[in-house]
Amino acid sequence: MLAAPAAYSRLIGDKVGQHLQDLESWRRDQIVSDAEYDAIRKRYDRLLEREDAWIMESRRLTLPQVTLYLGAWILAVGAAASHILPVHALAGAPAVLIAWAAAAPMAWIGIRL
């Protein structure tokens, strides 16, 4: 099962926001002290920051991923162009070799990294 980080972050943010509103009213009614409110507020801020940092880190692409995607894109575009463009000199094996020659260095770099 795949998690939806944005939905999870929104859900946590909503719950924290509701609880902070309750804490604010409790502070006004002097049920919790200013020090207790500040301590809880700091912990919630750290929780939300950590979650946002985790989400951003999980969405970041690494260099091997980028090079593999670029190699696949070059291969797909080269294969499509060899079939779409009417270049009779580049038919069959030469067309395939040109497409592979463009994509192979990116694939090699991606696998090596």
PDB file of N, CA and C in Angstrom:
ATOM      1  N   MET A   1       0.841  -1.176   0.000  1.00  0.00           N
ATOM      2  CA  MET A   1       0.000   0.000   0.000  1.00  0.00           C
ATOM      3  C   MET A   1       0.887   1.240   0.000  1.00  0.00           C
ATOM      4  N   LEU A   2       0.573   2.176  -0.848  1.00  0.00           N
ATOM      5  CA  LEU A   2       1.352   3.400  -0.947  1.00  0.00           C
ATOM      6  C   LEU A   2       0.709   4.488  -0.108  1.00  0.00           C
ATOM      7  N   ALA A   3       1.540   5.230   0.614  1.00  0.00           N
ATOM      8  CA  ALA A   3       1.041   6.338   1.416  1.00  0.00           C
ATOM      9  C   ALA A   3       1.001   7.597   0.580  1.00  0.00           C
ATOM     10  N   ALA A   4       0.104   8.475   0.906  1.00  0.00           N
ATOM     11  CA  ALA A   4       0.009   9.774   0.243  1.00  0.00           C
ATOM     12  C   ALA A   4       0.575  10.817   1.206  1.00  0.00           C
ATOM     13  N   PRO A   5       1.856  11.182   1.061  1.00  0.00           N
ATOM     14  CA  PRO A   5       2.481  12.081   2.026  1.00  0.00           C
ATOM     15  C   PRO A   5       1.757  13.409   2.182  1.00  0.00           C
ATOM     16  N   ALA A   6       1.238  13.959   1.098  1.00  0.00           N
ATOM     17  CA  ALA A   6       0.564  15.256   1.194  1.00  0.00           C
ATOM     18  C   ALA A   6      -0.709  15.126   2.020  1.00  0.00           C
ATOM     19  N   ALA A   7      -1.464  14.059   1.819  1.00  0.00           N
ATOM     20  CA  ALA A   7      -2.693  13.855   2.577  1.00  0.00           C
ATOM     21  C   ALA A   7      -2.374  13.624   4.051  1.00  0.00           C
ATOM     22  N   TYR A   8      -1.336  12.846   4.313  1.00  0.00           N
ATOM     23  CA  TYR A   8      -0.927  12.576   5.688  1.00  0.00           C
ATOM     24  C   TYR A   8      -0.486  13.866   6.370  1.00  0.00           C
ATOM     25  N   SER A   9       0.293  14.660   5.699  1.00  0.00           N
ATOM     26  CA  SER A   9       0.764  15.925   6.261  1.00  0.00           C
ATOM     27  C   SER A   9      -0.402  16.867   6.520  1.00  0.00           C
ATOM     28  N   ARG A  10      -1.350  16.913   5.612  1.00  0.00           N
ATOM     29  CA  ARG A  10      -2.529  17.768   5.784  1.00  0.00           C
ATOM     30  C   ARG A  10      -3.360  17.308   6.977  1.00  0.00           C
ATOM     31  N   LEU A  11      -3.525  15.991   7.127  1.00  0.00           N
ATOM     32  CA  LEU A  11      -4.292  15.448   8.241  1.00  0.00           C
ATOM     33  C   LEU A  11      -3.622  15.788   9.569  1.00  0.00           C
ATOM     34  N   ILE A  12      -2.319  15.583   9.655  1.00  0.00           N
ATOM     35  CA  ILE A  12      -1.581  15.909  10.879  1.00  0.00           C
ATOM     36  C   ILE A  12      -1.653  17.398  11.157  1.00  0.00           C
ATOM     37  N   GLY A  13      -1.478  18.208  10.115  1.00  0.00           N
ATOM     38  CA  GLY A  13      -1.544  19.659  10.286  1.00  0.00           C
ATOM     39  C   GLY A  13      -2.896  20.115  10.802  1.00  0.00           C
ATOM     40  N   ASP A  14      -3.983  19.506  10.300  1.00  0.00           N
ATOM     41  CA  ASP A  14      -5.326  19.859  10.768  1.00  0.00           C
ATOM     42  C   ASP A  14      -5.515  19.494  12.235  1.00  0.00           C
ATOM     43  N   LYS A  15      -5.065  18.286  12.610  1.00  0.00           N
ATOM     44  CA  LYS A  15      -5.201  17.848  14.000  1.00  0.00           C
ATOM     45  C   LYS A  15      -4.371  18.723  14.935  1.00  0.00           C
ATOM     46  N   VAL A  16      -3.160  19.047  14.526  1.00  0.00           N
ATOM     47  CA  VAL A  16      -2.308  19.908  15.343  1.00  0.00           C
ATOM     48  C   VAL A  16      -2.929  21.292  15.471  1.00  0.00           C
ATOM     49  N   GLY A  17      -3.464  21.821  14.386  1.00  0.00           N
ATOM     50  CA  GLY A  17      -4.099  23.135  14.425  1.00  0.00           C
ATOM     51  C   GLY A  17      -5.286  23.167  15.385  1.00  0.00           C
ATOM     52  N   GLN A  18      -6.101  22.109  15.359  1.00  0.00           N
ATOM     53  CA  GLN A  18      -7.236  22.033  16.277  1.00  0.00           C
ATOM     54  C   GLN A  18      -6.757  21.981  17.729  1.00  0.00           C
ATOM     55  N   HIS A  19      -5.732  21.168  17.955  1.00  0.00           N
ATOM     56  CA  HIS A  19      -5.234  21.041  19.323  1.00  0.00           C
ATOM     57  C   HIS A  19      -4.584  22.338  19.798  1.00  0.00           C
ATOM     58  N   LEU A  20      -3.900  23.042  18.915  1.00  0.00           N
ATOM     59  CA  LEU A  20      -3.305  24.319  19.308  1.00  0.00           C
ATOM     60  C   LEU A  20      -4.375  25.361  19.631  1.00  0.00           C
ATOM     61  N   GLN A  21      -5.499  25.324  18.932  1.00  0.00           N
ATOM     62  CA  GLN A  21      -6.605  26.221  19.269  1.00  0.00           C
ATOM     63  C   GLN A  21      -7.157  25.904  20.660  1.00  0.00           C
ATOM     64  N   ASP A  22      -7.286  24.592  20.952  1.00  0.00           N
ATOM     65  CA  ASP A  22      -7.727  24.193  22.291  1.00  0.00           C
ATOM     66  C   ASP A  22      -6.722  24.644  23.346  1.00  0.00           C
ATOM     67  N   LEU A  23      -5.438  24.458  23.049  1.00  0.00           N
ATOM     68  CA  LEU A  23      -4.404  24.870  24.006  1.00  0.00           C
ATOM     69  C   LEU A  23      -4.430  26.374  24.241  1.00  0.00           C
ATOM     70  N   GLU A  24      -4.681  27.136  23.185  1.00  0.00           N
ATOM     71  CA  GLU A  24      -4.751  28.593  23.319  1.00  0.00           C
ATOM     72  C   GLU A  24      -5.892  28.993  24.248  1.00  0.00           C
ATOM     73  N   SER A  25      -7.046  28.347  24.068  1.00  0.00           N
ATOM     74  CA  SER A  25      -8.170  28.662  24.964  1.00  0.00           C
ATOM     75  C   SER A  25      -7.875  28.203  26.390  1.00  0.00           C
ATOM     76  N   TRP A  26      -7.188  27.066  26.546  1.00  0.00           N
ATOM     77  CA  TRP A  26      -6.814  26.606  27.883  1.00  0.00           C
ATOM     78  C   TRP A  26      -5.827  27.574  28.535  1.00  0.00           C
ATOM     79  N   ARG A  27      -4.959  28.142  27.721  1.00  0.00           N
ATOM     80  CA  ARG A  27      -3.993  29.110  28.262  1.00  0.00           C
ATOM     81  C   ARG A  27      -4.720  30.378  28.705  1.00  0.00           C
ATOM     82  N   ARG A  28      -5.687  30.825  27.922  1.00  0.00           N
ATOM     83  CA  ARG A  28      -6.473  32.005  28.310  1.00  0.00           C
ATOM     84  C   ARG A  28      -7.246  31.754  29.602  1.00  0.00           C
ATOM     85  N   ASP A  29      -7.748  30.518  29.756  1.00  0.00           N
ATOM     86  CA  ASP A  29      -8.498  30.158  30.964  1.00  0.00           C
ATOM     87  C   ASP A  29      -7.574  29.743  32.106  1.00  0.00           C
ATOM     88  N   GLN A  30      -6.278  29.801  31.887  1.00  0.00           N
ATOM     89  CA  GLN A  30      -5.237  29.476  32.865  1.00  0.00           C
ATOM     90  C   GLN A  30      -5.302  28.017  33.329  1.00  0.00           C
ATOM     91  N   ILE A  31      -5.685  27.137  32.392  1.00  0.00           N
ATOM     92  CA  ILE A  31      -5.647  25.703  32.675  1.00  0.00           C
ATOM     93  C   ILE A  31      -4.227  25.184  32.466  1.00  0.00           C
ATOM     94  N   VAL A  32      -3.545  25.718  31.460  1.00  0.00           N
ATOM     95  CA  VAL A  32      -2.124  25.416  31.238  1.00  0.00           C
ATOM     96  C   VAL A  32      -1.342  26.716  31.362  1.00  0.00           C
ATOM     97  N   SER A  33      -0.112  26.598  31.812  1.00  0.00           N
ATOM     98  CA  SER A  33       0.724  27.786  31.972  1.00  0.00           C
ATOM     99  C   SER A  33       1.333  28.179  30.632  1.00  0.00           C
ATOM    100  N   ASP A  34       1.902  29.365  30.596  1.00  0.00           N
ATOM    101  CA  ASP A  34       2.581  29.820  29.377  1.00  0.00           C
ATOM    102  C   ASP A  34       3.753  28.916  29.031  1.00  0.00           C
ATOM    103  N   ALA A  35       4.462  28.451  30.056  1.00  0.00           N
ATOM    104  CA  ALA A  35       5.613  27.568  29.820  1.00  0.00           C
ATOM    105  C   ALA A  35       5.164  26.235  29.221  1.00  0.00           C
ATOM    106  N   GLU A  36       4.057  25.686  29.733  1.00  0.00           N
ATOM    107  CA  GLU A  36       3.544  24.431  29.186  1.00  0.00           C
ATOM    108  C   GLU A  36       3.079  24.620  27.738  1.00  0.00           C
ATOM    109  N   TYR A  37       2.395  25.723  27.494  1.00  0.00           N
ATOM    110  CA  TYR A  37       1.928  26.014  26.140  1.00  0.00           C
ATOM    111  C   TYR A  37       3.106  26.142  25.180  1.00  0.00           C
ATOM    112  N   ASP A  38       4.127  26.892  25.602  1.00  0.00           N
ATOM    113  CA  ASP A  38       5.303  27.070  24.738  1.00  0.00           C
ATOM    114  C   ASP A  38       6.010  25.747  24.458  1.00  0.00           C
ATOM    115  N   ALA A  39       6.108  24.884  25.489  1.00  0.00           N
ATOM    116  CA  ALA A  39       6.769  23.591  25.307  1.00  0.00           C
ATOM    117  C   ALA A  39       6.002  22.721  24.315  1.00  0.00           C
ATOM    118  N   ILE A  40       4.687  22.695  24.466  1.00  0.00           N
ATOM    119  CA  ILE A  40       3.875  21.885  23.541  1.00  0.00           C
ATOM    120  C   ILE A  40       3.933  22.474  22.141  1.00  0.00           C
ATOM    121  N   ARG A  41       3.874  23.788  22.056  1.00  0.00           N
ATOM    122  CA  ARG A  41       3.939  24.456  20.750  1.00  0.00           C
ATOM    123  C   ARG A  41       5.253  24.146  20.038  1.00  0.00           C
ATOM    124  N   LYS A  42       6.379  24.160  20.751  1.00  0.00           N
ATOM    125  CA  LYS A  42       7.678  23.843  20.149  1.00  0.00           C
ATOM    126  C   LYS A  42       7.722  22.404  19.656  1.00  0.00           C
ATOM    127  N   ARG A  43       7.151  21.489  20.430  1.00  0.00           N
ATOM    128  CA  ARG A  43       7.144  20.079  20.005  1.00  0.00           C
ATOM    129  C   ARG A  43       6.306  19.889  18.737  1.00  0.00           C
ATOM    130  N   TYR A  44       5.171  20.567  18.672  1.00  0.00           N
ATOM    131  CA  TYR A  44       4.352  20.470  17.467  1.00  0.00           C
ATOM    132  C   TYR A  44       5.074  21.083  16.269  1.00  0.00           C
ATOM    133  N   ASP A  45       5.755  22.192  16.481  1.00  0.00           N
ATOM    134  CA  ASP A  45       6.509  22.805  15.391  1.00  0.00           C
ATOM    135  C   ASP A  45       7.591  21.869  14.878  1.00  0.00           C
ATOM    136  N   ARG A  46       8.289  21.203  15.789  1.00  0.00           N
ATOM    137  CA  ARG A  46       9.325  20.237  15.379  1.00  0.00           C
ATOM    138  C   ARG A  46       8.714  19.058  14.639  1.00  0.00           C
ATOM    139  N   LEU A  47       7.567  18.590  15.099  1.00  0.00           N
ATOM    140  CA  LEU A  47       6.891  17.481  14.426  1.00  0.00           C
ATOM    141  C   LEU A  47       6.531  17.857  12.996  1.00  0.00           C
ATOM    142  N   LEU A  48       5.956  19.028  12.813  1.00  0.00           N
ATOM    143  CA  LEU A  48       5.554  19.448  11.468  1.00  0.00           C
ATOM    144  C   LEU A  48       6.763  19.720  10.585  1.00  0.00           C
ATOM    145  N   GLU A  49       7.816  20.296  11.129  1.00  0.00           N
ATOM    146  CA  GLU A  49       9.035  20.528  10.346  1.00  0.00           C
ATOM    147  C   GLU A  49       9.648  19.212   9.909  1.00  0.00           C
ATOM    148  N   ARG A  50       9.740  18.279  10.816  1.00  0.00           N
ATOM    149  CA  ARG A  50      10.354  16.988  10.502  1.00  0.00           C
ATOM    150  C   ARG A  50       9.554  16.275   9.427  1.00  0.00           C
ATOM    151  N   GLU A  51       8.237  16.345   9.507  1.00  0.00           N
ATOM    152  CA  GLU A  51       7.405  15.702   8.504  1.00  0.00           C
ATOM    153  C   GLU A  51       7.597  16.352   7.138  1.00  0.00           C
ATOM    154  N   ASP A  52       7.640  17.676   7.096  1.00  0.00           N
ATOM    155  CA  ASP A  52       7.849  18.360   5.829  1.00  0.00           C
ATOM    156  C   ASP A  52       9.214  18.034   5.243  1.00  0.00           C
ATOM    157  N   ALA A  53      10.245  17.969   6.087  1.00  0.00           N
ATOM    158  CA  ALA A  53      11.580  17.632   5.602  1.00  0.00           C
ATOM    159  C   ALA A  53      11.600  16.204   5.059  1.00  0.00           C
ATOM    160  N   TRP A  54      10.894  15.292   5.712  1.00  0.00           N
ATOM    161  CA  TRP A  54      10.861  13.898   5.261  1.00  0.00           C
ATOM    162  C   TRP A  54      10.163  13.804   3.905  1.00  0.00           C
ATOM    163  N   ILE A  55       9.091  14.534   3.752  1.00  0.00           N
ATOM    164  CA  ILE A  55       8.367  14.506   2.485  1.00  0.00           C
ATOM    165  C   ILE A  55       9.237  15.065   1.367  1.00  0.00           C
ATOM    166  N   MET A  56       9.902  16.168   1.623  1.00  0.00           N
ATOM    167  CA  MET A  56      10.761  16.764   0.596  1.00  0.00           C
ATOM    168  C   MET A  56      11.924  15.826   0.246  1.00  0.00           C
ATOM    169  N   GLU A  57      12.471  15.156   1.241  1.00  0.00           N
ATOM    170  CA  GLU A  57      13.584  14.235   0.985  1.00  0.00           C
ATOM    171  C   GLU A  57      13.118  13.046   0.146  1.00  0.00           C
ATOM    172  N   SER A  58      11.907  12.566   0.398  1.00  0.00           N
ATOM    173  CA  SER A  58      11.423  11.408  -0.351  1.00  0.00           C
ATOM    174  C   SER A  58      11.087  11.765  -1.797  1.00  0.00           C
ATOM    175  N   ARG A  59      10.791  13.016  -2.066  1.00  0.00           N
ATOM    176  CA  ARG A  59      10.466  13.432  -3.426  1.00  0.00           C
ATOM    177  C   ARG A  59      11.691  13.806  -4.244  1.00  0.00           C
ATOM    178  N   ARG A  60      12.828  13.951  -3.614  1.00  0.00           N
ATOM    179  CA  ARG A  60      14.046  14.366  -4.309  1.00  0.00           C
ATOM    180  C   ARG A  60      14.582  13.207  -5.152  1.00  0.00           C
ATOM    181  N   LEU A  61      14.924  13.498  -6.386  1.00  0.00           N
ATOM    182  CA  LEU A  61      15.502  12.488  -7.266  1.00  0.00           C
ATOM    183  C   LEU A  61      17.017  12.484  -7.118  1.00  0.00           C
ATOM    184  N   THR A  62      17.588  11.297  -7.146  1.00  0.00           N
ATOM    185  CA  THR A  62      19.038  11.178  -7.083  1.00  0.00           C
ATOM    186  C   THR A  62      19.625  11.258  -8.489  1.00  0.00           C
ATOM    187  N   LEU A  63      20.923  11.453  -8.570  1.00  0.00           N
ATOM    188  CA  LEU A  63      21.590  11.535  -9.873  1.00  0.00           C
ATOM    189  C   LEU A  63      21.416  10.252 -10.688  1.00  0.00           C
ATOM    190  N   PRO A  64      21.543   9.060 -10.087  1.00  0.00           N
ATOM    191  CA  PRO A  64      21.308   7.848 -10.891  1.00  0.00           C
ATOM    192  C   PRO A  64      19.891   7.778 -11.456  1.00  0.00           C
ATOM    193  N   GLN A  65      18.904   8.206 -10.672  1.00  0.00           N
ATOM    194  CA  GLN A  65      17.534   8.183 -11.184  1.00  0.00           C
ATOM    195  C   GLN A  65      17.368   9.140 -12.353  1.00  0.00           C
ATOM    196  N   VAL A  66      17.940  10.323 -12.230  1.00  0.00           N
ATOM    197  CA  VAL A  66      17.816  11.322 -13.294  1.00  0.00           C
ATOM    198  C   VAL A  66      18.488  10.829 -14.563  1.00  0.00           C
ATOM    199  N   THR A  67      19.677  10.246 -14.447  1.00  0.00           N
ATOM    200  CA  THR A  67      20.371   9.780 -15.646  1.00  0.00           C
ATOM    201  C   THR A  67      19.641   8.602 -16.291  1.00  0.00           C
ATOM    202  N   LEU A  68      19.087   7.713 -15.482  1.00  0.00           N
ATOM    203  CA  LEU A  68      18.314   6.614 -16.061  1.00  0.00           C
ATOM    204  C   LEU A  68      17.065   7.130 -16.766  1.00  0.00           C
ATOM    205  N   TYR A  69      16.366   8.077 -16.157  1.00  0.00           N
ATOM    206  CA  TYR A  69      15.183   8.651 -16.797  1.00  0.00           C
ATOM    207  C   TYR A  69      15.572   9.373 -18.080  1.00  0.00           C
ATOM    208  N   LEU A  70      16.669  10.107 -18.056  1.00  0.00           N
ATOM    209  CA  LEU A  70      17.120  10.821 -19.245  1.00  0.00           C
ATOM    210  C   LEU A  70      17.498   9.838 -20.354  1.00  0.00           C
ATOM    211  N   GLY A  71      18.195   8.763 -19.985  1.00  0.00           N
ATOM    212  CA  GLY A  71      18.560   7.744 -20.974  1.00  0.00           C
ATOM    213  C   GLY A  71      17.337   7.094 -21.587  1.00  0.00           C
ATOM    214  N   ALA A  72      16.343   6.777 -20.760  1.00  0.00           N
ATOM    215  CA  ALA A  72      15.111   6.171 -21.277  1.00  0.00           C
ATOM    216  C   ALA A  72      14.367   7.152 -22.181  1.00  0.00           C
ATOM    217  N   TRP A  73      14.360   8.425 -21.792  1.00  0.00           N
ATOM    218  CA  TRP A  73      13.694   9.436 -22.610  1.00  0.00           C
ATOM    219  C   TRP A  73      14.393   9.569 -23.961  1.00  0.00           C
ATOM    220  N   ILE A  74      15.719   9.617 -23.958  1.00  0.00           N
ATOM    221  CA  ILE A  74      16.474   9.727 -25.210  1.00  0.00           C
ATOM    222  C   ILE A  74      16.215   8.504 -26.089  1.00  0.00           C
ATOM    223  N   LEU A  75      16.186   7.330 -25.488  1.00  0.00           N
ATOM    224  CA  LEU A  75      15.934   6.109 -26.241  1.00  0.00           C
ATOM    225  C   LEU A  75      14.531   6.130 -26.855  1.00  0.00           C
ATOM    226  N   ALA A  76      13.540   6.541 -26.070  1.00  0.00           N
ATOM    227  CA  ALA A  76      12.167   6.574 -26.581  1.00  0.00           C
ATOM    228  C   ALA A  76      12.007   7.614 -27.690  1.00  0.00           C
ATOM    229  N   VAL A  77      12.574   8.794 -27.504  1.00  0.00           N
ATOM    230  CA  VAL A  77      12.478   9.839 -28.521  1.00  0.00           C
ATOM    231  C   VAL A  77      13.238   9.426 -29.774  1.00  0.00           C
ATOM    232  N   GLY A  78      14.405   8.834 -29.604  1.00  0.00           N
ATOM    233  CA  GLY A  78      15.178   8.371 -30.758  1.00  0.00           C
ATOM    234  C   GLY A  78      14.450   7.292 -31.535  1.00  0.00           C
ATOM    235  N   ALA A  79      13.828   6.353 -30.819  1.00  0.00           N
ATOM    236  CA  ALA A  79      13.080   5.287 -31.502  1.00  0.00           C
ATOM    237  C   ALA A  79      11.864   5.854 -32.225  1.00  0.00           C
ATOM    238  N   ALA A  80      11.162   6.781 -31.575  1.00  0.00           N
ATOM    239  CA  ALA A  80       9.992   7.386 -32.218  1.00  0.00           C
ATOM    240  C   ALA A  80      10.409   8.212 -33.430  1.00  0.00           C
ATOM    241  N   ALA A  81      11.488   8.965 -33.300  1.00  0.00           N
ATOM    242  CA  ALA A  81      11.946   9.797 -34.414  1.00  0.00           C
ATOM    243  C   ALA A  81      12.399   8.946 -35.593  1.00  0.00           C
ATOM    244  N   SER A  82      13.005   7.790 -35.312  1.00  0.00           N
ATOM    245  CA  SER A  82      13.462   6.936 -36.412  1.00  0.00           C
ATOM    246  C   SER A  82      12.289   6.344 -37.199  1.00  0.00           C
ATOM    247  N   HIS A  83      11.136   6.224 -36.557  1.00  0.00           N
ATOM    248  CA  HIS A  83       9.972   5.700 -37.257  1.00  0.00           C
ATOM    249  C   HIS A  83       9.122   6.803 -37.880  1.00  0.00           C
ATOM    250  N   ILE A  84       9.127   7.974 -37.270  1.00  0.00           N
ATOM    251  CA  ILE A  84       8.274   9.062 -37.751  1.00  0.00           C
ATOM    252  C   ILE A  84       8.931   9.822 -38.897  1.00  0.00           C
ATOM    253  N   LEU A  85      10.202  10.132 -38.743  1.00  0.00           N
ATOM    254  CA  LEU A  85      10.891  10.937 -39.751  1.00  0.00           C
ATOM    255  C   LEU A  85      11.248  10.065 -40.953  1.00  0.00           C
ATOM    256  N   PRO A  86      10.968  10.535 -42.146  1.00  0.00           N
ATOM    257  CA  PRO A  86      11.240   9.727 -43.336  1.00  0.00           C
ATOM    258  C   PRO A  86      12.701   9.836 -43.793  1.00  0.00           C
ATOM    259  N   VAL A  87      13.594   9.282 -43.004  1.00  0.00           N
ATOM    260  CA  VAL A  87      15.011   9.269 -43.385  1.00  0.00           C
ATOM    261  C   VAL A  87      15.310   7.851 -43.870  1.00  0.00           C
ATOM    262  N   HIS A  88      15.439   7.689 -45.167  1.00  0.00           N
ATOM    263  CA  HIS A  88      15.613   6.354 -45.736  1.00  0.00           C
ATOM    264  C   HIS A  88      17.014   5.805 -45.513  1.00  0.00           C
ATOM    265  N   ALA A  89      17.967   6.692 -45.326  1.00  0.00           N
ATOM    266  CA  ALA A  89      19.334   6.218 -45.094  1.00  0.00           C
ATOM    267  C   ALA A  89      19.483   5.604 -43.710  1.00  0.00           C
ATOM    268  N   LEU A  90      18.601   5.984 -42.787  1.00  0.00           N
ATOM    269  CA  LEU A  90      18.674   5.462 -41.422  1.00  0.00           C
ATOM    270  C   LEU A  90      17.498   4.533 -41.156  1.00  0.00           C
ATOM    271  N   ALA A  91      17.472   3.442 -41.837  1.00  0.00           N
ATOM    272  CA  ALA A  91      16.415   2.467 -41.626  1.00  0.00           C
ATOM    273  C   ALA A  91      17.013   1.203 -41.024  1.00  0.00           C
ATOM    274  N   GLY A  92      16.197   0.495 -40.261  1.00  0.00           N
ATOM    275  CA  GLY A  92      16.620  -0.783 -39.708  1.00  0.00           C
ATOM    276  C   GLY A  92      17.669  -0.655 -38.626  1.00  0.00           C
ATOM    277  N   ALA A  93      18.729  -1.458 -38.770  1.00  0.00           N
ATOM    278  CA  ALA A  93      19.773  -1.530 -37.739  1.00  0.00           C
ATOM    279  C   ALA A  93      20.498  -0.203 -37.506  1.00  0.00           C
ATOM    280  N   PRO A  94      20.851   0.594 -38.524  1.00  0.00           N
ATOM    281  CA  PRO A  94      21.517   1.877 -38.236  1.00  0.00           C
ATOM    282  C   PRO A  94      20.683   2.808 -37.368  1.00  0.00           C
ATOM    283  N   ALA A  95      19.377   2.830 -37.588  1.00  0.00           N
ATOM    284  CA  ALA A  95      18.508   3.691 -36.775  1.00  0.00           C
ATOM    285  C   ALA A  95      18.494   3.228 -35.326  1.00  0.00           C
ATOM    286  N   VAL A  96      18.434   1.935 -35.130  1.00  0.00           N
ATOM    287  CA  VAL A  96      18.444   1.384 -33.767  1.00  0.00           C
ATOM    288  C   VAL A  96      19.785   1.662 -33.099  1.00  0.00           C
ATOM    289  N   LEU A  97      20.861   1.508 -33.823  1.00  0.00           N
ATOM    290  CA  LEU A  97      22.191   1.768 -33.257  1.00  0.00           C
ATOM    291  C   LEU A  97      22.362   3.232 -32.866  1.00  0.00           C
ATOM    292  N   ILE A  98      21.845   4.135 -33.663  1.00  0.00           N
ATOM    293  CA  ILE A  98      21.947   5.560 -33.317  1.00  0.00           C
ATOM    294  C   ILE A  98      21.160   5.857 -32.047  1.00  0.00           C
ATOM    295  N   ALA A  99      19.966   5.295 -31.932  1.00  0.00           N
ATOM    296  CA  ALA A  99      19.164   5.510 -30.719  1.00  0.00           C
ATOM    297  C   ALA A  99      19.871   4.931 -29.500  1.00  0.00           C
ATOM    298  N   TRP A 100      20.444   3.735 -29.624  1.00  0.00           N
ATOM    299  CA  TRP A 100      21.168   3.121 -28.509  1.00  0.00           C
ATOM    300  C   TRP A 100      22.447   3.886 -28.189  1.00  0.00           C
ATOM    301  N   ALA A 101      23.103   4.412 -29.203  1.00  0.00           N
ATOM    302  CA  ALA A 101      24.330   5.178 -28.958  1.00  0.00           C
ATOM    303  C   ALA A 101      24.031   6.447 -28.166  1.00  0.00           C
ATOM    304  N   ALA A 102      22.856   7.003 -28.354  1.00  0.00           N
ATOM    305  CA  ALA A 102      22.482   8.200 -27.597  1.00  0.00           C
ATOM    306  C   ALA A 102      22.096   7.850 -26.160  1.00  0.00           C
ATOM    307  N   ALA A 103      21.434   6.711 -25.962  1.00  0.00           N
ATOM    308  CA  ALA A 103      20.927   6.363 -24.634  1.00  0.00           C
ATOM    309  C   ALA A 103      21.912   5.578 -23.788  1.00  0.00           C
ATOM    310  N   ALA A 104      22.804   4.832 -24.409  1.00  0.00           N
ATOM    311  CA  ALA A 104      23.711   3.955 -23.661  1.00  0.00           C
ATOM    312  C   ALA A 104      24.593   4.699 -22.659  1.00  0.00           C
ATOM    313  N   PRO A 105      25.190   5.853 -22.988  1.00  0.00           N
ATOM    314  CA  PRO A 105      26.010   6.534 -21.971  1.00  0.00           C
ATOM    315  C   PRO A 105      25.207   6.945 -20.738  1.00  0.00           C
ATOM    316  N   MET A 106      23.988   7.414 -20.926  1.00  0.00           N
ATOM    317  CA  MET A 106      23.161   7.791 -19.779  1.00  0.00           C
ATOM    318  C   MET A 106      22.807   6.566 -18.941  1.00  0.00           C
ATOM    319  N   ALA A 107      22.480   5.474 -19.587  1.00  0.00           N
ATOM    320  CA  ALA A 107      22.163   4.249 -18.848  1.00  0.00           C
ATOM    321  C   ALA A 107      23.389   3.747 -18.092  1.00  0.00           C
ATOM    322  N   TRP A 108      24.539   3.799 -18.704  1.00  0.00           N
ATOM    323  CA  TRP A 108      25.780   3.347 -18.044  1.00  0.00           C
ATOM    324  C   TRP A 108      26.074   4.213 -16.830  1.00  0.00           C
ATOM    325  N   ILE A 109      25.962   5.534 -16.975  1.00  0.00           N
ATOM    326  CA  ILE A 109      26.203   6.432 -15.845  1.00  0.00           C
ATOM    327  C   ILE A 109      25.194   6.168 -14.719  1.00  0.00           C
ATOM    328  N   GLY A 110      23.943   5.995 -15.081  1.00  0.00           N
ATOM    329  CA  GLY A 110      22.922   5.736 -14.067  1.00  0.00           C
ATOM    330  C   GLY A 110      23.149   4.451 -13.319  1.00  0.00           C
ATOM    331  N   ILE A 111      23.542   3.407 -14.008  1.00  0.00           N
ATOM    332  CA  ILE A 111      23.806   2.123 -13.350  1.00  0.00           C
ATOM    333  C   ILE A 111      25.065   2.189 -12.497  1.00  0.00           C
ATOM    334  N   ARG A 112      26.095   2.858 -12.985  1.00  0.00           N
ATOM    335  CA  ARG A 112      27.353   2.954 -12.239  1.00  0.00           C
ATOM    336  C   ARG A 112      27.200   3.776 -10.963  1.00  0.00           C
ATOM    337  N   LEU A 113      26.377   4.813 -10.997  1.00  0.00           N
ATOM    338  CA  LEU A 113      26.195   5.653  -9.817  1.00  0.00           C
ATOM    339  C   LEU A 113      25.250   5.009  -8.844  1.00  0.00           C
TER     340      LEU A 113
END
